[in-house]
Amino acid sequence: MTEQDSEHILAHTRDLWAGLRRERLFITGGTGFLGRWLLESFAYANRKLNLKAGITVLSRNPEAFIRQAPDLCGDPAISFCKGDARNFTFPEKDHPFIIHGAAAVSDRLNDEDPLTMFDTIVRGTGRTLDFAVQTRCRQFLFISSGAVYGKQPQEMTHTPESHMGGPDTMEPGSAYGEGKRSAELLCAIYHKRHPGIETKIARCFAVVGPHMPLNSHFAIGNFVRDAGQGGPILVKGDGTPCRSYLYAADLAIWLWTILFRARPCRPYNVGSGESLSILETANAVANSANPPMAVTVARPPVGGPPQRYVPDVSRAELELGLTSKIGLSDAISRTMVFT
């Protein structure tokens, strides 16, 4: 994360941090793409505002992350708990704030071992909620996904939180989305049983930014990789599906705001409402390269309405004042600096 990104996040979250002063936060998934942005932005705010707060990071392999990010992990406010979200040993200190984001966002795992995918999400959430009860947690943020809605109906341009669709339960590839749905239900059950724990739900859509996987199922990450390798940029399909992209620094602002200010058990879509096709995304990356490069599309369009994965973010905007502040062109440029 650059100083520019750190200052951007702090400028839009400065009034949120007072409740964390001299407290501890526990995070699962803190070494992944989204989690690392939260970890780095916490560390920056902690230093700048002299919060004297601490954060415990659950990781199956903290040694690997320490080698990857030695400067960040050298921060004395950061400590590690080694373990798996499904069965970790509870740390002894109280953690009034918990962010639970541990779950591999992996098409390969979802296809090859859906049982492990589902189990990691559901059992990991249950274990983390059990820890929340023991550690006297007050605010619990569950990082969910737009995958809970299943396929977006063709006539729907933007999916609202009120949409009652869901993944196909007869399709093993639904393990990720259905796991997130089940985990959300656990959050609601625990809140009802333990009202002192306010469980907050953030349904994340597509994100772009430094630290994102460049060899995964994220199309924009693949395009940034292609550009970094000198091109051409390859669109594997016909380029017609529609997505939207929230820059990771804005994502961090949204997630911190939802943790501290959102109503419990009221889901919020997290993403950009600006829809564009995969081909338009590829062209945006190509035009951000220096020099601009060619885009190759694997096959021609087959016709019919495009597949969409685009959120309606009006709830977050109206209730929490959240907007996408960094445009796609700027987001791509900031991401490409790190490739």
Foldseek 3Di string as FASTA:
>chain_A
DDPVLLVVLCVLCVVQCQVQQLAEEEEEPLLADLNVLLLVSVLSSCVVVVSNYAYEYEDQCVVVSCVVPVVSCVRPRYHYQHDALLDGDADDAAHQHYEYEDADPALVCLVPPLVVRLCSLQSSLVSVLVSCVVRVHQFYEYEAALQQQAFDDLVDAAAEPPRPHGHDPVDSSSSRNVSRVNSLVVQVVSCVVPVSYFYFYEHEFAEFAANHDLPGPRLLSVLLVQLLVPDDREAAAAQAEKGFYFYSSLQSSLRSLRRRPNGGSDYAYDTAQDIDTSVVSSQLLQVLHVPRHDYHYNDHDPDDRHGYDGHDGVCCCVPVVRHRDDDPSRSSNNRSVND
